[in-house]
Amino acid sequence: MAQKAKEMVVVKGLELGRYMGRWYEIASFPSRFQPRDGENTRATYTLRDDGIVDVLNETWSLGKRSYIQGTAYKADPNSDEAKLKVKFYVPPFLPIIPVTGDYWVLFIDDDYQYALIGQPSRNYLWILCRTPHMDESVYNELVQKAVEEGYDVNKLHKTPQADPPPEGNQAPEDTKGVWWFKSLIGK
């Protein structure tokens, strides 16, 4: 049984500049903000001059590229803990409702090649890597860290990743946000 009372250990002293760039989703807890059949899911982070991070999340579903853009920023600028807030506007095709969530970096390796991301409710979890595929021993190590932080890792779903990954401009886009509606009705 996962212990809910334990306070999560969060990375301290995260170097945001080194964290920027593309990360591939190796596994995650399914989220209503992503298509259930999503593949090649990835996030690209770009640090702006004002310290805000531009976020681009992409996924492919039925051969179409879906994406949502947002921003991330430190929850407490005076803290050295890697606790970020992310803000997206939904639905993606009619961006009117701001949705803000927690993005806590629970683990990152010294070379910034793989990371474990969670948030305080433990309803969301992501295993990210700089490449589309992760060594199984590294994956198992990150899963074990998630267990130690009180996550129910039975909910982890591995994300199919193509090698090489698709280029963003080579796929038709799901401009109607159909996946967003589908995800809301559970299809």
C-alpha atoms as a PDB file:
ATOM      1  CA  MET A   1       0.000   0.000   0.000  1.00  0.00           C
ATOM      2  CA  ALA A   2       1.436   3.370  -1.022  1.00  0.00           C
ATOM      3  CA  GLN A   3       2.060   5.733   1.855  1.00  0.00           C
ATOM      4  CA  LYS A   4       0.310   9.020   1.179  1.00  0.00           C
ATOM      5  CA  ALA A   5       1.648  10.839   4.220  1.00  0.00           C
ATOM      6  CA  LYS A   6       5.324  10.814   3.226  1.00  0.00           C
ATOM      7  CA  GLU A   7       6.596  14.128   1.929  1.00  0.00           C
ATOM      8  CA  MET A   8       8.015  13.812  -1.549  1.00  0.00           C
ATOM      9  CA  VAL A   9      11.702  14.386  -2.106  1.00  0.00           C
ATOM     10  CA  VAL A  10      12.186  16.956  -4.858  1.00  0.00           C
ATOM     11  CA  VAL A  11      15.398  17.767  -6.732  1.00  0.00           C
ATOM     12  CA  LYS A  12      17.234  20.789  -5.349  1.00  0.00           C
ATOM     13  CA  GLY A  13      19.338  23.135  -7.454  1.00  0.00           C
ATOM     14  CA  LEU A  14      17.881  22.145 -10.837  1.00  0.00           C
ATOM     15  CA  GLU A  15      19.747  23.995 -13.580  1.00  0.00           C
ATOM     16  CA  LEU A  16      16.882  25.169 -15.759  1.00  0.00           C
ATOM     17  CA  GLY A  17      19.167  25.968 -18.670  1.00  0.00           C
ATOM     18  CA  ARG A  18      20.429  22.379 -18.779  1.00  0.00           C
ATOM     19  CA  TYR A  19      16.887  21.053 -18.430  1.00  0.00           C
ATOM     20  CA  MET A  20      15.738  22.813 -21.604  1.00  0.00           C
ATOM     21  CA  GLY A  21      15.326  21.016 -24.923  1.00  0.00           C
ATOM     22  CA  ARG A  22      13.411  17.928 -25.961  1.00  0.00           C
ATOM     23  CA  TRP A  23      12.321  15.140 -23.634  1.00  0.00           C
ATOM     24  CA  TYR A  24      10.604  11.938 -24.766  1.00  0.00           C
ATOM     25  CA  GLU A  25       7.866  10.403 -22.643  1.00  0.00           C
ATOM     26  CA  ILE A  26       8.922   6.834 -21.856  1.00  0.00           C
ATOM     27  CA  ALA A  27       5.992   6.130 -19.535  1.00  0.00           C
ATOM     28  CA  SER A  28       3.277   8.041 -17.721  1.00  0.00           C
ATOM     29  CA  PHE A  29       0.036   7.780 -15.816  1.00  0.00           C
ATOM     30  CA  PRO A  30      -2.734   8.196 -18.409  1.00  0.00           C
ATOM     31  CA  SER A  31      -4.108  11.740 -18.375  1.00  0.00           C
ATOM     32  CA  ARG A  32      -7.298  13.219 -19.745  1.00  0.00           C
ATOM     33  CA  PHE A  33      -5.134  15.882 -21.372  1.00  0.00           C
ATOM     34  CA  GLN A  34      -3.543  13.344 -23.701  1.00  0.00           C
ATOM     35  CA  PRO A  35      -5.072  10.947 -26.240  1.00  0.00           C
ATOM     36  CA  ARG A  36      -5.285   7.454 -24.780  1.00  0.00           C
ATOM     37  CA  ASP A  37      -3.710   5.982 -27.911  1.00  0.00           C
ATOM     38  CA  GLY A  38      -0.990   8.647 -28.082  1.00  0.00           C
ATOM     39  CA  GLU A  39       2.408   7.678 -29.473  1.00  0.00           C
ATOM     40  CA  ASN A  40       5.738   9.485 -29.825  1.00  0.00           C
ATOM     41  CA  THR A  41       4.726  11.811 -27.006  1.00  0.00           C
ATOM     42  CA  ARG A  42       7.344  14.403 -26.178  1.00  0.00           C
ATOM     43  CA  ALA A  43       7.881  17.765 -24.562  1.00  0.00           C
ATOM     44  CA  THR A  44      10.143  20.593 -25.706  1.00  0.00           C
ATOM     45  CA  TYR A  45      11.150  23.284 -23.219  1.00  0.00           C
ATOM     46  CA  THR A  46      12.607  26.678 -24.156  1.00  0.00           C
ATOM     47  CA  LEU A  47      13.849  29.162 -21.558  1.00  0.00           C
ATOM     48  CA  ARG A  48      12.859  32.774 -22.236  1.00  0.00           C
ATOM     49  CA  ASP A  49      14.854  35.825 -21.192  1.00  0.00           C
ATOM     50  CA  ASP A  50      12.334  36.560 -18.429  1.00  0.00           C
ATOM     51  CA  GLY A  51      12.907  33.160 -16.790  1.00  0.00           C
ATOM     52  CA  ILE A  52       9.581  31.699 -17.978  1.00  0.00           C
ATOM     53  CA  VAL A  53       9.756  28.372 -19.831  1.00  0.00           C
ATOM     54  CA  ASP A  54       7.804  27.879 -23.062  1.00  0.00           C
ATOM     55  CA  VAL A  55       6.344  24.369 -23.155  1.00  0.00           C
ATOM     56  CA  LEU A  56       5.375  22.434 -26.283  1.00  0.00           C
ATOM     57  CA  ASN A  57       3.776  19.023 -25.688  1.00  0.00           C
ATOM     58  CA  GLU A  58       3.286  16.862 -28.779  1.00  0.00           C
ATOM     59  CA  THR A  59       1.724  13.475 -29.340  1.00  0.00           C
ATOM     60  CA  TRP A  60       0.629  11.441 -32.352  1.00  0.00           C
ATOM     61  CA  SER A  61      -2.732   9.697 -32.538  1.00  0.00           C
ATOM     62  CA  LEU A  62      -3.993   7.811 -35.605  1.00  0.00           C
ATOM     63  CA  GLY A  63      -1.148   9.329 -37.618  1.00  0.00           C
ATOM     64  CA  LYS A  64      -2.020  12.899 -36.701  1.00  0.00           C
ATOM     65  CA  ARG A  65       0.058  15.266 -34.612  1.00  0.00           C
ATOM     66  CA  SER A  66      -1.668  16.901 -31.686  1.00  0.00           C
ATOM     67  CA  TYR A  67       0.031  19.506 -29.578  1.00  0.00           C
ATOM     68  CA  ILE A  68      -0.621  21.949 -26.799  1.00  0.00           C
ATOM     69  CA  GLN A  69       1.508  24.917 -25.813  1.00  0.00           C
ATOM     70  CA  GLY A  70       1.916  26.438 -22.405  1.00  0.00           C
ATOM     71  CA  THR A  71       4.365  27.930 -19.971  1.00  0.00           C
ATOM     72  CA  ALA A  72       6.175  26.818 -16.842  1.00  0.00           C
ATOM     73  CA  TYR A  73       7.659  28.818 -14.004  1.00  0.00           C
ATOM     74  CA  LYS A  74       9.088  28.233 -10.534  1.00  0.00           C
ATOM     75  CA  ALA A  75       6.337  27.926  -7.950  1.00  0.00           C
ATOM     76  CA  ASP A  76       8.524  29.797  -5.464  1.00  0.00           C
ATOM     77  CA  PRO A  77      11.298  31.878  -7.062  1.00  0.00           C
ATOM     78  CA  ASN A  78      13.167  31.962  -3.747  1.00  0.00           C
ATOM     79  CA  SER A  79      13.267  28.187  -3.287  1.00  0.00           C
ATOM     80  CA  ASP A  80      15.972  25.923  -4.717  1.00  0.00           C
ATOM     81  CA  GLU A  81      13.469  23.053  -5.005  1.00  0.00           C
ATOM     82  CA  ALA A  82      12.501  21.947  -8.508  1.00  0.00           C
ATOM     83  CA  LYS A  83       8.800  22.657  -8.006  1.00  0.00           C
ATOM     84  CA  LEU A  84       7.367  24.243 -11.123  1.00  0.00           C
ATOM     85  CA  LYS A  85       3.903  25.338 -12.141  1.00  0.00           C
ATOM     86  CA  VAL A  86       2.729  24.650 -15.682  1.00  0.00           C
ATOM     87  CA  LYS A  87      -0.095  26.538 -17.339  1.00  0.00           C
ATOM     88  CA  PHE A  88      -1.987  25.481 -20.448  1.00  0.00           C
ATOM     89  CA  TYR A  89      -5.080  26.913 -22.048  1.00  0.00           C
ATOM     90  CA  VAL A  90      -7.710  24.350 -22.984  1.00  0.00           C
ATOM     91  CA  PRO A  91      -9.212  23.163 -25.165  1.00  0.00           C
ATOM     92  CA  PRO A  92      -6.201  23.592 -27.480  1.00  0.00           C
ATOM     93  CA  PHE A  93      -8.294  24.734 -30.454  1.00  0.00           C
ATOM     94  CA  LEU A  94     -10.144  27.363 -28.399  1.00  0.00           C
ATOM     95  CA  PRO A  95      -7.662  28.443 -25.720  1.00  0.00           C
ATOM     96  CA  ILE A  96      -9.855  30.172 -23.168  1.00  0.00           C
ATOM     97  CA  ILE A  97      -9.620  28.196 -19.933  1.00  0.00           C
ATOM     98  CA  PRO A  98      -6.296  28.302 -18.077  1.00  0.00           C
ATOM     99  CA  VAL A  99      -5.367  25.010 -16.443  1.00  0.00           C
ATOM    100  CA  THR A 100      -2.471  25.189 -13.997  1.00  0.00           C
ATOM    101  CA  GLY A 101      -0.738  22.139 -12.589  1.00  0.00           C
ATOM    102  CA  ASP A 102       2.245  21.158 -10.511  1.00  0.00           C
ATOM    103  CA  TYR A 103       5.404  19.834 -12.153  1.00  0.00           C
ATOM    104  CA  TRP A 104       7.849  18.498  -9.577  1.00  0.00           C
ATOM    105  CA  VAL A 105      11.192  17.080 -10.687  1.00  0.00           C
ATOM    106  CA  LEU A 106      11.614  14.106  -8.343  1.00  0.00           C
ATOM    107  CA  PHE A 107      14.834  12.839  -9.886  1.00  0.00           C
ATOM    108  CA  ILE A 108      17.278  13.783 -12.617  1.00  0.00           C
ATOM    109  CA  ASP A 109      20.611  12.167 -13.406  1.00  0.00           C
ATOM    110  CA  ASP A 110      23.843  14.157 -13.296  1.00  0.00           C
ATOM    111  CA  ASP A 111      23.972  14.438 -17.098  1.00  0.00           C
ATOM    112  CA  TYR A 112      20.332  15.562 -17.446  1.00  0.00           C
ATOM    113  CA  GLN A 113      19.504  12.584 -19.660  1.00  0.00           C
ATOM    114  CA  TYR A 114      16.509  11.135 -17.798  1.00  0.00           C
ATOM    115  CA  ALA A 115      14.043  12.424 -15.249  1.00  0.00           C
ATOM    116  CA  LEU A 116      11.155  11.434 -13.029  1.00  0.00           C
ATOM    117  CA  ILE A 117       8.355  14.005 -12.818  1.00  0.00           C
ATOM    118  CA  GLY A 118       5.437  13.980 -10.409  1.00  0.00           C
ATOM    119  CA  GLN A 119       3.171  16.219  -8.414  1.00  0.00           C
ATOM    120  CA  PRO A 120       1.804  16.387  -4.862  1.00  0.00           C
ATOM    121  CA  SER A 121      -1.481  14.524  -5.425  1.00  0.00           C
ATOM    122  CA  ARG A 122       0.473  11.575  -6.936  1.00  0.00           C
ATOM    123  CA  ASN A 123      -2.191  11.349  -9.678  1.00  0.00           C
ATOM    124  CA  TYR A 124       0.322  12.146 -12.403  1.00  0.00           C
ATOM    125  CA  LEU A 125       3.744  10.672 -13.088  1.00  0.00           C
ATOM    126  CA  TRP A 126       6.086  10.878 -16.033  1.00  0.00           C
ATOM    127  CA  ILE A 127       9.337   9.129 -16.910  1.00  0.00           C
ATOM    128  CA  LEU A 128      11.242  11.235 -19.429  1.00  0.00           C
ATOM    129  CA  CYS A 129      14.398  10.651 -21.453  1.00  0.00           C
ATOM    130  CA  ARG A 130      16.464  12.657 -23.944  1.00  0.00           C
ATOM    131  CA  THR A 131      16.208   9.754 -26.413  1.00  0.00           C
ATOM    132  CA  PRO A 132      13.090   7.846 -27.525  1.00  0.00           C
ATOM    133  CA  HIS A 133      14.263   4.682 -25.777  1.00  0.00           C
ATOM    134  CA  MET A 134      15.553   4.089 -22.271  1.00  0.00           C
ATOM    135  CA  ASP A 135      17.713   1.298 -20.937  1.00  0.00           C
ATOM    136  CA  GLU A 136      15.520  -1.127 -18.988  1.00  0.00           C
ATOM    137  CA  SER A 137      17.724  -0.977 -15.904  1.00  0.00           C
ATOM    138  CA  VAL A 138      17.427   2.836 -15.804  1.00  0.00           C
ATOM    139  CA  TYR A 139      13.663   2.552 -16.281  1.00  0.00           C
ATOM    140  CA  ASN A 140      13.391   0.087 -13.400  1.00  0.00           C
ATOM    141  CA  GLU A 141      15.506   2.386 -11.203  1.00  0.00           C
ATOM    142  CA  LEU A 142      13.117   5.303 -11.871  1.00  0.00           C
ATOM    143  CA  VAL A 143      10.068   3.116 -11.234  1.00  0.00           C
ATOM    144  CA  GLN A 144      11.586   2.102  -7.904  1.00  0.00           C
ATOM    145  CA  LYS A 145      12.161   5.769  -7.014  1.00  0.00           C
ATOM    146  CA  ALA A 146       8.478   6.426  -7.783  1.00  0.00           C
ATOM    147  CA  VAL A 147       7.482   3.581  -5.450  1.00  0.00           C
ATOM    148  CA  GLU A 148       9.651   5.100  -2.714  1.00  0.00           C
ATOM    149  CA  GLU A 149       7.817   8.416  -3.204  1.00  0.00           C
ATOM    150  CA  GLY A 150       4.447   6.731  -2.677  1.00  0.00           C
ATOM    151  CA  TYR A 151       3.246   6.280  -6.267  1.00  0.00           C
ATOM    152  CA  ASP A 152       1.092   3.374  -7.428  1.00  0.00           C
ATOM    153  CA  VAL A 153       3.308   2.363 -10.331  1.00  0.00           C
ATOM    154  CA  ASN A 154       0.725  -0.178 -11.531  1.00  0.00           C
ATOM    155  CA  LYS A 155      -0.870   2.815 -13.286  1.00  0.00           C
ATOM    156  CA  LEU A 156       2.268   3.458 -15.360  1.00  0.00           C
ATOM    157  CA  HIS A 157       1.688   3.068 -19.097  1.00  0.00           C
ATOM    158  CA  LYS A 158       4.648   2.799 -21.476  1.00  0.00           C
ATOM    159  CA  THR A 159       4.463   5.237 -24.384  1.00  0.00           C
ATOM    160  CA  PRO A 160       5.218   3.781 -27.841  1.00  0.00           C
ATOM    161  CA  GLN A 161       8.117   5.681 -29.407  1.00  0.00           C
ATOM    162  CA  ALA A 162       9.277   5.376 -33.016  1.00  0.00           C
ATOM    163  CA  ASP A 163      12.959   5.397 -33.874  1.00  0.00           C
ATOM    164  CA  PRO A 164      13.713   7.760 -35.488  1.00  0.00           C
ATOM    165  CA  PRO A 165      11.029   9.997 -33.988  1.00  0.00           C
ATOM    166  CA  PRO A 166       8.617  11.705 -36.387  1.00  0.00           C
ATOM    167  CA  GLU A 167       9.281  15.275 -37.387  1.00  0.00           C
ATOM    168  CA  GLY A 168       6.614  17.716 -36.271  1.00  0.00           C
ATOM    169  CA  ASN A 169       5.955  19.112 -39.732  1.00  0.00           C
ATOM    170  CA  GLN A 170       5.601  15.759 -41.494  1.00  0.00           C
ATOM    171  CA  ALA A 171       2.224  14.746 -40.098  1.00  0.00           C
ATOM    172  CA  PRO A 172      -1.257  16.138 -40.616  1.00  0.00           C
ATOM    173  CA  GLU A 173      -2.335  18.067 -37.567  1.00  0.00           C
ATOM    174  CA  ASP A 174      -5.388  17.344 -35.479  1.00  0.00           C
ATOM    175  CA  THR A 175      -6.420  20.983 -35.638  1.00  0.00           C
ATOM    176  CA  LYS A 176      -9.943  20.341 -34.381  1.00  0.00           C
ATOM    177  CA  GLY A 177      -8.710  19.004 -31.069  1.00  0.00           C
ATOM    178  CA  VAL A 178     -10.785  15.863 -31.589  1.00  0.00           C
ATOM    179  CA  TRP A 179      -8.519  13.924 -29.209  1.00  0.00           C
ATOM    180  CA  TRP A 180      -9.333  16.376 -26.453  1.00  0.00           C
ATOM    181  CA  PHE A 181     -13.052  15.683 -26.793  1.00  0.00           C
ATOM    182  CA  LYS A 182     -12.402  11.953 -27.049  1.00  0.00           C
ATOM    183  CA  SER A 183     -10.299  12.020 -23.899  1.00  0.00           C
ATOM    184  CA  LEU A 184     -13.072  13.782 -22.003  1.00  0.00           C
ATOM    185  CA  ILE A 185     -15.606  11.114 -22.932  1.00  0.00           C
ATOM    186  CA  GLY A 186     -13.123   8.345 -22.258  1.00  0.00           C
ATOM    187  CA  LYS A 187     -12.687   6.982 -25.766  1.00  0.00           C
END
